[in-house]
Amino acid sequence: MRTALLALLLAAPLPVLAAEPAEKPAAAAADKPDVPPLPADKTVRQSAVIAGKSLNYEVTVGTIPVFDAKNKKIGEVVYTAYTVPGRAAAGRPVTFAFNGGPGASSAFLNFGAIGPKRLQFGAQGDAPSDPAIARDNANSWLDLTDLVFIDPVGTGFSRSLEDEAGTKRDFYTAKTDIEYLSRVVFDWLNKNGRLTSPKYLIGESYGGYRVPRLAYYMQSELGVGLNGIVLVSPYLNPMAVDSDDNALSPLPYMVSLPSMAAAKLERDGKLSEAALGDVESYTRSEFATDLFRGRSDPQAIERLTTRVSGYTGLDPVLVRRLEGRVGVRTYLREVHRDQKAIGSIYDSNVTAFDPFPGSVEQQSNDPLLVSIIAPTTSAAVDLMTNQVGWKVQARYNLLSYAVNQAWDRDNSDKPVGDLRRAISADPKMTVIIAHGMDDLSCPYFASRLVIDQMPSFGQAQRVKLALYPGGHMYYSRPDSAAQFRRDAVAMFQR
């Protein structure tokens, strides 16, 4: 269903698609893309007020070619780079940013979080028709680090130069995704004389799923060390994803309950990280135990009903009928049913009217995501083609359904394992895993559980879990964005 795909494009990988035949007939030459060349790199100067001070910078839209093993160009990756001229490049950090999907361009981090210009989105009442006007971002990271936003092949204006089969083989697998994107980072550093600069990676959602693997691959295969990595709203363990047909594991319900509780605390004006301590303790203990007991202990159902309805605000009759197992989709429809509204999987307190409130299943796009696609697309294209003057006649893919559907999920990627390896190899590398407390697409408690199972690596807080009010795009809230910047300042100062 298109609605389900839209709601998950920035979250965890979708279920595995049917396997392709082992071999296919060679594609005819006519099937290969016949596209005009992309423009040459273009740079203009701009300025913004960041952290109370005016900053002059250069913004460049350019391309990095991708070559295969036979040195044939098979793709072109488009990037948007913000650099501050006149500062010693060798000592100035540079940060590479990726969004998720698979199938998302990097515009969300650019225009929502850390770029020098910010677009208003993600709040209750924002709409697709809102003006796509980006204004100075007081919480940008550009005064701390140069920024390079990378759009993987099939997103933004980045493109494959191969036929469909070659594109899927060389760009749309967990393995090749890491290999070519790592090389893109290396090639940008080499092209711009920045291999000696401090280097950082930031990735959101599936981008956060990428970043640990990129870090380890760059360390071990390309000889590039990372000073720090930031994972924004990542889903590090897809096995914990919510599932209505989950037969055994309580994890989907465990990782979601604290975020449902956070949403209620926020509605009650009581949300804080400390306020979540009680539900987290319950989730680790009695909740998991009673889920395993199930119908073998009738009193377990009653205990679950009392505690879960209390934490979530859901009707106890509904919770009892579900035997304490509240799926994310059910929660999003039921918690706002009295208002005939539906909540966003990215922030359940951002709602829209349900166009089919009597339907058994949701039949509308996600309230938050649908409100930001149009203005973010327009702002990104305006910057690149109008302000910078990088003139191109092509479709800009903010979110690509085609990339997401074509992705080969072969389960070879182990982000937590690569995160452990990268940390153990470099005792100086800083790691921040950042979450909005109200995010149900990538719940923060999953990362809490993952971190608690990791070694200490010789020091406390080696991997910092940073929690903020808000949802998947917590940085859309001014207070959370300001705290996120303060955490970044501490990282770069280290």
Protein backbone atom coordinates (compact mmCIF):
# COMPACT_ATOMS: atom_id res chain seq x y z
CA MET A 1 0.00 0.00 0.00
CA ARG A 2 1.30 3.44 -0.92
CA THR A 3 0.33 4.84 2.47
CA ALA A 4 2.34 2.25 4.34
CA LEU A 5 5.36 2.85 2.11
CA LEU A 6 5.19 6.60 2.66
CA ALA A 7 5.02 6.14 6.40
CA LEU A 8 8.12 3.98 6.44
CA LEU A 9 10.37 5.67 3.90
CA LEU A 10 12.38 7.37 6.62
CA ALA A 11 12.16 4.56 9.10
CA ALA A 12 13.33 0.97 9.24
CA PRO A 13 13.80 -1.10 6.06
CA LEU A 14 10.61 -2.53 4.61
CA PRO A 15 10.03 -6.30 4.49
CA VAL A 16 12.15 -8.33 2.11
CA LEU A 17 10.87 -8.33 -1.45
CA ALA A 18 10.58 -11.43 -3.61
CA ALA A 19 14.00 -12.64 -4.75
CA GLU A 20 15.11 -11.87 -8.27
CA PRO A 21 16.16 -14.72 -10.56
CA ALA A 22 19.84 -15.57 -10.27
CA GLU A 23 20.51 -14.41 -13.82
CA LYS A 24 18.68 -12.22 -16.29
CA PRO A 25 19.18 -11.74 -20.00
CA ALA A 26 21.41 -8.81 -20.78
CA ALA A 27 19.40 -5.62 -21.17
CA ALA A 28 19.17 -4.15 -24.62
CA ALA A 29 21.14 -0.98 -25.28
CA ALA A 30 17.86 0.85 -25.67
CA ASP A 31 17.06 0.11 -22.01
CA LYS A 32 20.07 2.06 -20.77
CA PRO A 33 19.49 5.65 -19.65
CA ASP A 34 20.03 8.29 -22.32
CA VAL A 35 20.36 11.48 -20.31
CA PRO A 36 21.96 14.85 -20.93
CA PRO A 37 25.11 15.68 -18.92
CA LEU A 38 24.74 17.31 -15.53
CA PRO A 39 26.00 20.89 -15.15
CA ALA A 40 29.51 21.67 -13.95
CA ASP A 41 29.97 22.36 -10.24
CA LYS A 42 28.69 25.81 -9.28
CA THR A 43 29.51 27.93 -6.22
CA VAL A 44 27.93 31.11 -4.85
CA ARG A 45 28.43 33.08 -1.65
CA GLN A 46 25.73 33.49 0.98
CA SER A 47 25.46 34.50 4.61
CA ALA A 48 23.37 33.58 7.64
CA VAL A 49 23.09 34.50 11.29
CA ILE A 50 24.02 31.41 13.30
CA ALA A 51 24.18 31.33 17.10
CA GLY A 52 23.76 35.10 17.11
CA LYS A 53 26.66 35.85 14.73
CA SER A 54 26.72 36.57 11.01
CA LEU A 55 28.65 33.99 9.00
CA ASN A 56 29.71 34.25 5.37
CA TYR A 57 29.99 30.96 3.53
CA GLU A 58 30.08 29.36 0.10
CA VAL A 59 27.47 26.90 -1.12
CA THR A 60 28.47 24.52 -3.89
CA VAL A 61 26.29 22.14 -5.85
CA GLY A 62 28.41 19.55 -7.60
CA THR A 63 28.79 15.94 -8.61
CA ILE A 64 31.04 13.02 -7.74
CA PRO A 65 31.26 10.32 -10.44
CA VAL A 66 30.95 6.66 -9.50
CA PHE A 67 33.07 4.11 -11.41
CA ASP A 68 32.89 0.33 -11.52
CA ALA A 69 35.80 -2.09 -11.23
CA LYS A 70 36.63 -1.57 -14.91
CA ASN A 71 36.80 2.23 -14.45
CA LYS A 72 33.56 2.77 -16.35
CA LYS A 73 31.39 5.61 -15.04
CA ILE A 74 28.15 4.09 -13.82
CA GLY A 75 26.61 6.88 -11.75
CA GLU A 76 26.71 10.51 -10.65
CA VAL A 77 26.14 11.57 -7.03
CA VAL A 78 25.02 15.16 -6.49
CA TYR A 79 25.99 16.93 -3.29
CA THR A 80 25.35 20.31 -1.67
CA ALA A 81 28.36 21.61 0.29
CA TYR A 82 28.56 24.57 2.65
CA THR A 83 32.10 25.72 3.38
CA VAL A 84 33.52 28.73 5.20
CA PRO A 85 36.35 30.32 3.20
CA GLY A 86 39.42 31.80 4.84
CA ARG A 87 39.66 29.24 7.63
CA ALA A 88 42.49 26.72 7.77
CA ALA A 89 41.04 23.71 5.98
CA ALA A 90 43.40 21.26 7.62
CA GLY A 91 42.05 22.03 11.08
CA ARG A 92 38.42 22.79 10.27
CA PRO A 93 36.07 19.82 10.59
CA VAL A 94 33.92 18.61 7.72
CA THR A 95 30.69 16.68 8.27
CA PHE A 96 28.94 14.46 5.70
CA ALA A 97 25.17 14.07 6.02
CA PHE A 98 22.84 11.32 4.82
CA ASN A 99 19.11 10.82 5.19
CA GLY A 100 17.31 7.53 5.03
CA GLY A 101 14.67 5.51 3.26
CA PRO A 102 16.33 3.82 1.49
CA GLY A 103 15.19 6.38 -1.06
CA ALA A 104 15.47 9.74 0.72
CA SER A 105 17.64 12.68 -0.27
CA SER A 106 19.57 14.64 2.35
CA ALA A 107 17.25 17.66 2.28
CA PHE A 108 15.60 16.93 5.63
CA LEU A 109 18.84 17.27 7.58
CA ASN A 110 19.84 20.20 5.39
CA PHE A 111 16.70 22.32 5.68
CA GLY A 112 15.37 20.99 8.97
CA ALA A 113 18.35 20.40 11.23
CA ILE A 114 21.94 21.53 10.60
CA GLY A 115 22.12 23.50 7.34
CA PRO A 116 22.52 27.30 7.41
CA LYS A 117 18.94 27.88 6.23
CA ARG A 118 15.92 26.35 7.90
CA LEU A 119 12.46 25.56 6.59
CA GLN A 120 9.54 25.43 9.01
CA PHE A 121 8.04 21.96 9.05
CA GLY A 122 6.95 19.17 11.37
CA ALA A 123 4.66 21.10 13.71
CA GLN A 124 0.93 20.71 14.22
CA GLY A 125 -0.86 22.76 11.54
CA ASP A 126 1.96 22.83 8.98
CA ALA A 127 0.63 22.14 5.49
CA PRO A 128 1.90 21.14 2.03
CA SER A 129 0.90 24.58 0.72
CA ASP A 130 3.02 26.49 3.25
CA PRO A 131 5.59 28.85 1.66
CA ALA A 132 8.86 27.10 0.82
CA ILE A 133 10.94 29.95 2.22
CA ALA A 134 14.10 28.93 4.08
CA ARG A 135 15.35 31.40 6.67
CA ASP A 136 18.55 31.66 8.73
CA ASN A 137 18.99 28.66 11.00
CA ALA A 138 20.20 29.84 14.40
CA ASN A 139 20.99 26.22 15.33
CA SER A 140 23.00 25.32 12.24
CA TRP A 141 26.32 23.54 12.66
CA LEU A 142 28.06 25.53 9.93
CA ASP A 143 30.01 27.72 12.36
CA LEU A 144 31.38 24.49 13.87
CA THR A 145 32.06 22.45 10.74
CA ASP A 146 31.79 22.53 6.98
CA LEU A 147 28.78 20.53 5.80
CA VAL A 148 28.36 18.22 2.80
CA PHE A 149 24.88 16.84 2.13
CA ILE A 150 24.98 13.75 -0.07
CA ASP A 151 22.07 12.43 -2.11
CA PRO A 152 22.51 8.71 -2.89
CA VAL A 153 21.81 7.44 -6.39
CA GLY A 154 18.11 7.62 -7.17
CA THR A 155 17.49 10.50 -4.74
CA GLY A 156 17.68 14.25 -5.29
CA PHE A 157 19.25 14.73 -8.72
CA SER A 158 21.73 11.85 -8.28
CA ARG A 159 21.39 9.17 -10.92
CA SER A 160 22.56 5.86 -12.26
CA LEU A 161 23.96 5.59 -15.78
CA GLU A 162 23.16 1.89 -15.96
CA ASP A 163 20.10 -0.11 -16.93
CA GLU A 164 17.63 -1.28 -14.30
CA ALA A 165 19.44 -4.53 -13.49
CA GLY A 166 22.84 -2.82 -13.24
CA THR A 167 21.42 -0.05 -11.07
CA LYS A 168 19.94 -2.50 -8.62
CA ARG A 169 23.15 -4.56 -8.53
CA ASP A 170 25.56 -1.65 -8.08
CA PHE A 171 23.53 0.80 -5.98
CA TYR A 172 20.50 -0.77 -4.33
CA THR A 173 22.00 -3.40 -2.03
CA ALA A 174 23.15 -3.08 1.57
CA LYS A 175 26.72 -3.92 0.57
CA THR A 176 27.15 -1.77 -2.55
CA ASP A 177 25.40 1.17 -0.86
CA ILE A 178 28.17 1.36 1.73
CA GLU A 179 30.97 0.76 -0.78
CA TYR A 180 30.10 3.48 -3.27
CA LEU A 181 28.99 6.07 -0.68
CA SER A 182 32.21 5.59 1.27
CA ARG A 183 34.11 6.21 -1.93
CA VAL A 184 32.03 9.34 -2.61
CA VAL A 185 33.07 10.73 0.78
CA PHE A 186 36.71 9.86 0.09
CA ASP A 187 36.59 11.40 -3.38
CA TRP A 188 35.05 14.65 -2.06
CA LEU A 189 37.79 14.89 0.58
CA ASN A 190 40.48 14.25 -2.00
CA LYS A 191 38.95 16.58 -4.59
CA ASN A 192 38.80 19.42 -2.08
CA GLY A 193 42.11 18.83 -0.31
CA ARG A 194 40.44 17.90 2.98
CA LEU A 195 41.83 14.46 3.79
CA THR A 196 43.71 15.93 6.77
CA SER A 197 40.63 17.65 8.23
CA PRO A 198 38.72 16.24 11.22
CA LYS A 199 35.89 14.18 9.72
CA TYR A 200 32.39 13.43 10.97
CA LEU A 201 29.30 11.59 9.69
CA ILE A 202 25.65 12.23 10.50
CA GLY A 203 22.78 10.09 9.30
CA GLU A 204 19.05 10.14 9.95
CA SER A 205 16.78 7.06 10.11
CA TYR A 206 18.14 4.61 7.50
CA GLY A 207 20.97 7.13 7.24
CA GLY A 208 21.66 6.32 10.90
CA TYR A 209 21.56 2.66 9.91
CA ARG A 210 24.21 3.47 7.26
CA VAL A 211 26.58 5.57 9.33
CA PRO A 212 28.13 2.90 11.61
CA ARG A 213 28.78 0.72 8.59
CA LEU A 214 30.22 3.63 6.62
CA ALA A 215 32.51 4.46 9.54
CA TYR A 216 33.87 0.93 9.86
CA TYR A 217 34.26 0.48 6.10
CA MET A 218 36.12 3.78 5.77
CA GLN A 219 38.39 2.85 8.69
CA SER A 220 39.20 -0.64 7.46
CA GLU A 221 38.97 -0.40 3.66
CA LEU A 222 39.68 3.21 2.64
CA GLY A 223 42.06 4.30 5.38
CA VAL A 224 39.92 7.21 6.58
CA GLY A 225 39.32 7.67 10.30
CA LEU A 226 36.23 9.39 11.66
CA ASN A 227 36.43 11.74 14.64
CA GLY A 228 32.75 11.34 15.38
CA ILE A 229 29.46 9.92 14.15
CA VAL A 230 25.93 11.06 14.94
CA LEU A 231 22.94 8.78 14.43
CA VAL A 232 19.67 10.71 14.24
CA SER A 233 16.51 8.68 14.95
CA PRO A 234 18.11 5.43 13.77
CA TYR A 235 16.55 1.98 13.72
CA LEU A 236 19.60 -0.05 14.63
CA ASN A 237 17.75 -3.36 14.99
CA PRO A 238 14.99 -4.05 12.44
CA MET A 239 14.14 -7.26 14.31
CA ALA A 240 12.42 -5.04 16.87
CA VAL A 241 10.05 -3.49 14.33
CA ASP A 242 6.35 -3.45 15.19
CA SER A 243 4.45 -6.38 13.69
CA ASP A 244 0.83 -7.43 14.08
CA ASP A 245 1.73 -11.06 13.33
CA ASN A 246 4.63 -11.28 15.79
CA ALA A 247 4.29 -14.77 17.30
CA LEU A 248 6.79 -14.70 20.14
CA SER A 249 9.13 -11.78 20.79
CA PRO A 250 7.86 -9.01 23.07
CA LEU A 251 10.42 -6.57 21.64
CA PRO A 252 8.07 -4.70 19.26
CA TYR A 253 5.76 -3.85 22.14
CA MET A 254 8.63 -3.13 24.51
CA VAL A 255 10.37 -0.62 22.26
CA SER A 256 7.13 1.21 21.44
CA LEU A 257 5.56 1.56 24.89
CA PRO A 258 7.95 4.24 26.28
CA SER A 259 7.36 6.45 23.23
CA MET A 260 3.59 6.04 23.59
CA ALA A 261 3.99 7.02 27.24
CA ALA A 262 6.12 10.01 26.21
CA ALA A 263 3.31 11.23 23.96
CA LYS A 264 0.82 11.10 26.83
CA LEU A 265 3.25 12.86 29.16
CA GLU A 266 3.63 15.58 26.56
CA ARG A 267 -0.14 15.97 26.19
CA ASP A 268 -0.30 16.28 29.97
CA GLY A 269 2.52 18.87 30.05
CA LYS A 270 4.81 16.56 32.04
CA LEU A 271 7.33 15.25 29.50
CA SER A 272 10.98 14.97 30.48
CA GLU A 273 13.63 12.29 30.23
CA ALA A 274 13.39 11.75 33.97
CA ALA A 275 9.62 11.29 33.76
CA LEU A 276 10.18 8.28 31.48
CA GLY A 277 12.13 6.40 34.14
CA ASP A 278 9.05 4.64 35.53
CA VAL A 279 7.76 3.32 32.20
CA GLU A 280 11.27 2.25 31.16
CA SER A 281 11.69 0.29 34.39
CA TYR A 282 8.27 -1.34 33.94
CA THR A 283 9.02 -2.19 30.31
CA ARG A 284 12.24 -3.99 31.21
CA SER A 285 10.60 -6.05 33.95
CA GLU A 286 6.91 -6.73 34.63
CA PHE A 287 5.77 -5.75 31.11
CA ALA A 288 8.07 -8.22 29.36
CA THR A 289 7.32 -10.94 31.91
CA ASP A 290 3.56 -10.56 31.63
CA LEU A 291 3.73 -10.53 27.83
CA PHE A 292 5.50 -13.88 27.95
CA ARG A 293 2.92 -15.26 30.42
CA GLY A 294 0.09 -14.31 28.10
CA ARG A 295 -3.17 -16.23 28.56
CA SER A 296 -1.48 -18.79 30.82
CA ASP A 297 -1.94 -16.25 33.61
CA PRO A 298 -5.32 -14.44 33.48
CA GLN A 299 -4.09 -11.95 36.03
CA ALA A 300 -1.26 -10.98 33.68
CA ILE A 301 -3.82 -9.61 31.22
CA GLU A 302 -5.42 -7.53 33.96
CA ARG A 303 -2.05 -6.17 35.07
CA LEU A 304 -1.14 -5.33 31.48
CA THR A 305 -4.50 -3.62 30.95
CA THR A 306 -4.09 -1.41 34.01
CA ARG A 307 -0.50 -0.39 33.37
CA VAL A 308 -0.59 0.00 29.57
CA SER A 309 -3.81 2.00 29.52
CA GLY A 310 -2.42 4.21 32.29
CA TYR A 311 0.81 4.91 30.44
CA THR A 312 -0.78 5.45 27.01
CA GLY A 313 -4.17 7.02 27.74
CA LEU A 314 -5.91 4.34 25.68
CA ASP A 315 -9.32 2.95 26.68
CA PRO A 316 -8.82 -0.01 29.06
CA VAL A 317 -11.50 -1.94 27.17
CA LEU A 318 -9.36 -1.74 24.01
CA VAL A 319 -6.15 -2.63 25.85
CA ARG A 320 -7.80 -5.64 27.50
CA ARG A 321 -9.11 -6.84 24.14
CA LEU A 322 -5.57 -6.57 22.74
CA GLU A 323 -4.19 -8.33 25.84
CA GLY A 324 -1.75 -5.47 26.40
CA ARG A 325 -0.21 -5.81 22.93
CA VAL A 326 -0.81 -2.40 21.38
CA GLY A 327 0.58 -2.13 17.87
CA VAL A 328 1.83 1.23 16.59
CA ARG A 329 -0.84 1.56 13.88
CA THR A 330 -3.60 0.74 16.35
CA TYR A 331 -2.28 3.31 18.80
CA LEU A 332 -2.07 6.06 16.19
CA ARG A 333 -5.71 5.59 15.20
CA GLU A 334 -7.19 4.99 18.63
CA VAL A 335 -5.44 7.61 20.78
CA HIS A 336 -7.04 10.46 18.80
CA ARG A 337 -10.26 8.70 17.74
CA ASP A 338 -12.49 11.00 19.80
CA GLN A 339 -11.27 13.88 17.61
CA LYS A 340 -11.69 11.75 14.43
CA ALA A 341 -8.00 12.40 13.86
CA ILE A 342 -4.99 10.21 13.27
CA GLY A 343 -1.46 10.65 14.63
CA SER A 344 1.82 10.60 12.75
CA ILE A 345 4.13 7.64 13.15
CA TYR A 346 6.95 10.19 13.33
CA ASP A 347 5.33 12.23 16.11
CA SER A 348 2.03 10.88 17.36
CA ASN A 349 0.94 14.26 18.73
CA VAL A 350 1.05 15.74 15.23
CA THR A 351 -2.36 14.86 13.82
CA ALA A 352 -4.63 15.30 10.82
CA PHE A 353 -8.30 14.57 10.35
CA ASP A 354 -8.90 10.96 9.37
CA PRO A 355 -10.64 11.06 5.95
CA PHE A 356 -12.07 7.57 6.55
CA PRO A 357 -12.63 7.30 10.31
CA GLY A 358 -14.93 4.28 9.91
CA SER A 359 -12.41 2.25 7.97
CA VAL A 360 -10.69 -0.70 9.61
CA GLU A 361 -7.30 0.43 8.26
CA GLN A 362 -5.70 3.84 7.75
CA GLN A 363 -6.39 5.14 4.24
CA SER A 364 -4.42 8.37 4.31
CA ASN A 365 -0.84 9.51 4.12
CA ASP A 366 1.13 10.16 7.27
CA PRO A 367 0.03 13.54 8.72
CA LEU A 368 3.57 14.83 9.33
CA LEU A 369 5.36 13.43 6.32
CA VAL A 370 2.79 14.53 3.76
CA SER A 371 2.97 18.09 5.12
CA ILE A 372 6.72 18.44 4.52
CA ILE A 373 7.30 16.81 1.14
CA ALA A 374 6.12 19.74 -0.98
CA PRO A 375 7.83 22.66 0.82
CA THR A 376 11.09 20.73 1.34
CA THR A 377 11.25 19.69 -2.31
CA SER A 378 10.58 23.25 -3.45
CA ALA A 379 13.17 24.74 -1.08
CA ALA A 380 15.85 22.26 -2.16
CA VAL A 381 15.28 22.75 -5.87
CA ASP A 382 15.10 26.54 -5.48
CA LEU A 383 18.46 26.59 -3.67
CA MET A 384 20.21 24.39 -6.21
CA THR A 385 18.80 25.65 -9.49
CA ASN A 386 17.80 29.25 -8.72
CA GLN A 387 20.04 30.57 -5.94
CA VAL A 388 23.19 28.64 -6.85
CA GLY A 389 22.36 28.58 -10.56
CA TRP A 390 23.09 24.87 -11.08
CA LYS A 391 20.62 24.58 -13.94
CA VAL A 392 19.30 21.10 -14.56
CA GLN A 393 16.16 19.80 -16.20
CA ALA A 394 15.31 16.68 -14.22
CA ARG A 395 13.00 15.45 -11.51
CA TYR A 396 14.20 15.97 -7.94
CA ASN A 397 13.42 12.92 -5.79
CA LEU A 398 13.01 13.92 -2.17
CA LEU A 399 11.55 10.47 -1.44
CA SER A 400 11.79 7.78 -4.10
CA TYR A 401 9.31 4.94 -3.96
CA ALA A 402 11.16 3.27 -6.84
CA VAL A 403 14.45 3.11 -4.91
CA ASN A 404 12.72 1.78 -1.80
CA GLN A 405 10.87 -0.93 -3.69
CA ALA A 406 13.96 -1.97 -5.66
CA TRP A 407 16.19 -2.24 -2.57
CA ASP A 408 17.70 -5.68 -2.06
CA ARG A 409 17.50 -6.48 1.65
CA ASP A 410 19.87 -9.40 1.94
CA ASN A 411 20.37 -9.18 5.73
CA SER A 412 24.14 -8.97 5.29
CA ASP A 413 24.31 -5.58 6.98
CA LYS A 414 25.08 -5.58 10.70
CA PRO A 415 25.08 -1.95 11.88
CA VAL A 416 25.43 -2.69 15.59
CA GLY A 417 28.32 -5.06 14.95
CA ASP A 418 30.07 -2.49 12.76
CA LEU A 419 29.41 0.19 15.37
CA ARG A 420 31.15 -1.97 17.97
CA ARG A 421 34.08 -2.62 15.64
CA ALA A 422 34.48 1.06 14.72
CA ILE A 423 34.43 2.14 18.37
CA SER A 424 36.89 -0.52 19.46
CA ALA A 425 39.29 0.40 16.66
CA ASP A 426 39.32 4.12 17.55
CA PRO A 427 39.17 5.07 21.24
CA LYS A 428 38.96 8.76 20.30
CA MET A 429 35.84 8.54 18.11
CA THR A 430 32.75 10.21 19.58
CA VAL A 431 29.33 8.58 19.10
CA ILE A 432 25.94 10.24 19.67
CA ILE A 433 22.66 8.39 19.11
CA ALA A 434 19.92 11.02 19.13
CA HIS A 435 16.18 10.41 19.36
CA GLY A 436 12.93 12.27 19.80
CA MET A 437 11.04 10.74 22.71
CA ASP A 438 7.73 10.69 20.81
CA ASP A 439 8.98 8.84 17.70
CA LEU A 440 7.14 5.60 16.91
CA SER A 441 8.81 4.95 13.56
CA CYS A 442 12.21 4.48 15.23
CA PRO A 443 11.52 4.36 18.98
CA TYR A 444 14.29 5.56 21.24
CA PHE A 445 13.97 2.61 23.62
CA ALA A 446 15.30 0.24 20.97
CA SER A 447 18.56 2.19 20.97
CA ARG A 448 18.55 2.27 24.78
CA LEU A 449 18.38 -1.54 24.84
CA VAL A 450 21.08 -1.88 22.16
CA ILE A 451 23.47 0.43 24.01
CA ASP A 452 22.89 -1.36 27.30
CA GLN A 453 24.03 -4.62 25.69
CA MET A 454 27.28 -3.11 24.36
CA PRO A 455 30.66 -3.18 26.16
CA SER A 456 31.75 -0.02 27.96
CA PHE A 457 34.88 0.29 25.80
CA GLY A 458 36.82 1.54 28.78
CA GLN A 459 34.71 4.54 29.72
CA ALA A 460 31.18 5.46 30.68
CA GLN A 461 29.00 7.15 28.09
CA ARG A 462 31.28 6.13 25.22
CA VAL A 463 28.08 5.96 23.22
CA LYS A 464 25.83 8.84 24.28
CA LEU A 465 22.07 8.44 23.99
CA ALA A 466 20.63 11.94 23.61
CA LEU A 467 16.85 12.34 24.01
CA TYR A 468 14.81 15.38 23.03
CA PRO A 469 11.15 16.41 23.13
CA GLY A 470 9.54 15.72 19.77
CA GLY A 471 9.46 12.89 17.30
CA HIS A 472 11.53 11.51 14.45
CA MET A 473 12.35 15.07 13.35
CA TYR A 474 12.73 16.46 16.86
CA TYR A 475 14.99 19.16 15.44
CA SER A 476 11.91 20.84 13.98
CA ARG A 477 11.15 22.07 17.51
CA PRO A 478 13.25 25.14 18.42
CA ASP A 479 14.09 24.04 21.97
CA SER A 480 15.12 20.56 20.85
CA ALA A 481 17.12 21.97 17.95
CA ALA A 482 18.98 24.27 20.36
CA GLN A 483 19.82 21.36 22.68
CA PHE A 484 20.92 19.26 19.70
CA ARG A 485 23.30 22.06 18.73
CA ARG A 486 24.67 22.24 22.30
CA ASP A 487 25.41 18.53 22.16
CA ALA A 488 27.15 19.07 18.81
CA VAL A 489 29.26 21.90 20.25
CA ALA A 490 30.45 19.55 23.01
CA MET A 491 31.28 16.88 20.43
CA PHE A 492 33.34 19.19 18.23
CA GLN A 493 35.12 20.70 21.23
CA ARG A 494 36.23 17.23 22.28
